[in-house]
Protein backbone atom coordinates (compact mmCIF):
# COMPACT_ATOMS: atom_id res chain seq x y z
CA MET A 1 0.00 0.00 0.00
CA TRP A 2 2.92 2.35 0.57
CA GLN A 3 3.26 2.31 -3.15
CA LYS A 4 -0.27 3.60 -3.50
CA LEU A 5 -0.13 6.10 -0.66
CA GLY A 6 3.01 7.54 -2.05
CA ILE A 7 4.19 6.16 -5.35
CA ALA A 8 5.69 9.57 -5.98
CA ALA A 9 7.15 9.43 -2.50
CA ALA A 10 8.68 6.10 -3.37
CA ALA A 11 10.77 8.00 -5.84
CA CYS A 12 11.69 10.45 -3.12
CA ILE A 13 11.64 8.40 0.09
CA SER A 14 13.48 5.14 0.22
CA VAL A 15 12.46 4.65 3.85
CA ILE A 16 8.81 4.21 3.04
CA GLY A 17 9.88 1.03 1.33
CA CYS A 18 7.57 1.28 -1.59
CA ALA A 19 7.72 -1.44 -4.11
CA SER A 20 6.91 -0.24 -7.56
CA GLY A 21 4.24 -2.92 -7.76
CA GLY A 22 1.47 -0.51 -6.78
CA ALA A 23 1.21 1.32 -10.05
CA SER A 24 3.35 -0.80 -12.30
CA GLY A 25 2.30 -4.30 -11.32
CA GLY A 26 5.66 -5.42 -9.89
CA ALA A 27 6.39 -6.70 -6.40
CA SER A 28 4.36 -5.11 -3.64
CA GLY A 29 6.03 -5.97 -0.36
CA GLY A 30 3.76 -8.33 1.53
CA ALA A 31 0.97 -8.17 -0.99
CA SER A 32 -0.85 -11.31 -1.95
CA SER A 33 -0.45 -12.59 -5.47
CA ALA A 34 -4.09 -13.67 -5.74
CA PRO A 35 -6.29 -11.62 -8.07
CA ALA A 36 -8.68 -9.18 -6.45
CA PRO A 37 -12.13 -10.60 -5.78
CA ALA A 38 -15.16 -8.66 -6.90
CA PRO A 39 -15.86 -6.23 -4.03
CA VAL A 40 -19.64 -6.26 -4.29
CA VAL A 41 -22.16 -6.85 -1.54
CA ALA A 42 -25.69 -6.96 -2.90
CA THR A 43 -28.52 -5.34 -0.99
CA GLN A 44 -32.25 -5.86 -1.42
CA SER A 45 -32.47 -2.99 -3.91
CA GLY A 46 -29.78 -4.59 -6.07
CA GLN A 47 -27.34 -1.80 -5.26
CA SER A 48 -23.98 -2.49 -3.73
CA ASN A 49 -23.20 -1.08 -0.26
CA LEU A 50 -20.00 -2.61 1.03
CA PHE A 51 -19.22 0.00 3.69
CA GLY A 52 -22.72 0.94 4.87
CA ALA A 53 -22.63 4.14 6.96
CA ALA A 54 -18.82 4.15 6.77
CA ALA A 55 -18.96 5.12 3.07
CA SER A 56 -17.71 8.69 3.37
CA GLU A 57 -14.75 11.04 3.09
CA TYR A 58 -11.91 10.84 5.62
CA THR A 59 -8.94 13.06 6.49
CA LEU A 60 -5.50 11.64 7.33
CA LEU A 61 -4.71 12.45 10.97
CA SER A 62 -1.60 10.46 11.75
CA VAL A 63 0.97 7.98 10.52
CA ASP A 64 2.28 5.47 13.06
CA GLY A 65 0.77 7.60 15.83
CA HIS A 66 2.54 10.79 14.70
CA ARG A 67 0.40 13.82 13.87
CA LEU A 68 0.94 15.52 10.53
CA PRO A 69 3.14 16.82 9.14
CA TYR A 70 5.29 13.78 9.80
CA ALA A 71 8.65 12.81 8.33
CA PRO A 72 9.21 9.05 8.50
CA GLN A 73 12.74 8.04 9.42
CA GLY A 74 14.78 7.68 6.22
CA ALA A 75 17.37 5.15 5.30
CA SER A 76 20.90 6.43 5.80
CA ASP A 77 21.78 5.48 2.23
CA ALA A 78 18.82 7.33 0.67
CA ALA A 79 19.75 8.82 -2.68
CA LEU A 80 16.92 11.36 -2.63
CA PRO A 81 16.07 14.06 -0.08
CA PRO A 82 13.80 13.13 2.82
CA THR A 83 10.15 14.16 2.71
CA GLU A 84 7.34 14.61 5.17
CA ILE A 85 3.71 13.65 4.83
CA VAL A 86 1.73 16.90 4.95
CA ASN A 87 -1.88 15.73 4.57
CA GLY A 88 -4.08 13.11 3.01
CA ALA A 89 -7.63 12.06 2.25
CA LEU A 90 -9.49 8.80 1.73
CA THR A 91 -12.90 8.36 0.11
CA LEU A 92 -14.77 5.10 0.64
CA GLN A 93 -17.66 4.68 -1.77
CA SER A 94 -20.64 2.46 -0.97
CA SER A 95 -19.76 0.31 -4.00
CA GLY A 96 -16.47 -0.67 -2.34
CA ALA A 97 -14.36 1.63 -4.51
CA PHE A 98 -11.83 3.91 -2.82
CA VAL A 99 -9.72 6.93 -3.73
CA ILE A 100 -6.74 7.90 -1.60
CA SER A 101 -4.54 10.98 -1.94
CA THR A 102 -1.50 12.12 0.00
CA SER A 103 0.56 15.33 -0.12
CA TYR A 104 4.29 15.36 0.59
CA ARG A 105 6.92 18.08 1.05
CA GLU A 106 10.66 17.76 0.54
CA LEU A 107 12.54 18.65 3.71
CA LYS A 108 16.10 19.46 2.73
CA THR A 109 15.78 21.28 -0.56
CA VAL A 110 15.80 25.04 -0.92
CA ASP A 111 12.30 25.26 -2.40
CA ARG A 112 10.77 22.48 -0.20
CA ARG A 113 8.78 21.26 -3.19
CA LEU A 114 5.28 19.88 -2.57
CA PHE A 115 3.91 16.95 -4.52
CA ASP A 116 0.68 14.97 -4.43
CA THR A 117 -0.25 11.37 -5.11
CA ARG A 118 -3.69 9.97 -5.95
CA PHE A 119 -4.63 6.32 -6.27
CA SER A 120 -7.76 4.24 -6.48
CA GLY A 121 -8.98 0.69 -6.27
CA ALA A 122 -11.67 -1.50 -4.78
CA CYS A 123 -12.20 -3.17 -1.42
CA ALA A 124 -13.52 -6.58 -0.45
CA PRO A 125 -14.46 -8.03 2.93
CA ASP A 126 -11.57 -9.72 4.74
CA GLY A 127 -12.76 -11.28 8.00
CA ASN A 128 -13.76 -8.44 10.34
CA ALA A 129 -11.94 -5.90 8.16
CA PHE A 130 -11.46 -5.18 4.46
CA ARG A 131 -8.73 -5.67 1.90
CA MET A 132 -7.89 -2.76 -0.41
CA PHE A 133 -6.97 -3.93 -3.92
CA TRP A 134 -5.07 -1.15 -5.69
CA ASP A 135 -5.61 -0.43 -9.39
CA GLY A 136 -2.38 -1.63 -10.95
CA GLY A 137 -1.66 -4.27 -8.30
CA GLY A 138 -1.02 -4.77 -4.62
CA ASP A 139 -3.31 -4.96 -1.62
CA THR A 140 -3.51 -3.59 1.90
CA GLN A 141 -5.58 -4.15 5.04
CA LEU A 142 -8.21 -1.57 6.01
CA SER A 143 -10.25 -1.57 9.23
CA ILE A 144 -13.11 0.65 10.33
CA SER A 145 -14.04 1.50 13.90
CA GLY A 146 -16.69 4.17 14.36
CA ASP A 147 -15.51 7.33 12.56
CA THR A 148 -11.93 6.07 12.21
CA VAL A 149 -10.35 4.13 9.36
CA ILE A 150 -6.94 2.51 9.78
CA VAL A 151 -4.95 1.52 6.71
CA ASN A 152 -2.21 -0.93 7.73
CA ASN A 153 0.67 -1.04 5.31
CA SER A 154 3.14 -3.66 6.43
CA GLY A 155 2.82 -2.44 10.01
CA SER A 156 2.71 1.30 9.30
CA LEU A 157 -0.65 2.64 10.36
CA PHE A 158 -2.35 5.49 8.53
CA ARG A 159 -5.25 6.78 10.66
CA TYR A 160 -8.10 8.66 8.97
CA LEU A 161 -11.06 10.44 10.60
CA LYS A 162 -14.48 10.81 8.99
CA HIS A 163 -15.45 14.36 7.88
């Protein structure tokens, strides 16, 4: 999922550990190789409503318990300048589709360039949680508790709050 939360950051942050599999279909660190199941839950009206009342827009509040902006620890051999996560948003649609965007800022460059990423995909039930299947490949765990959504990417937790 790192690759989807920050494929552009993957080019700028080696610490995030993105595999290029998110957008390009390569390896996706910890992702399952099984194809994405159809994320549809039929209701009586014939419409799909996978998330129920949780289908909404969410704002990124923290990464690994750190409020934003947050600069993940970088690898000492990083070839590119470190960045910080400035903000993010997640939209969960009743159909099971999702859109996620994240904004980053370079830390050690003169102009402190900002850049944004935007990715989409579809979710399917996965036990008591959901699995996010990214367009282009890869998957990530997503859990919902009240007005909070947690996206767990190989142990890094992105916490979103409902608008």
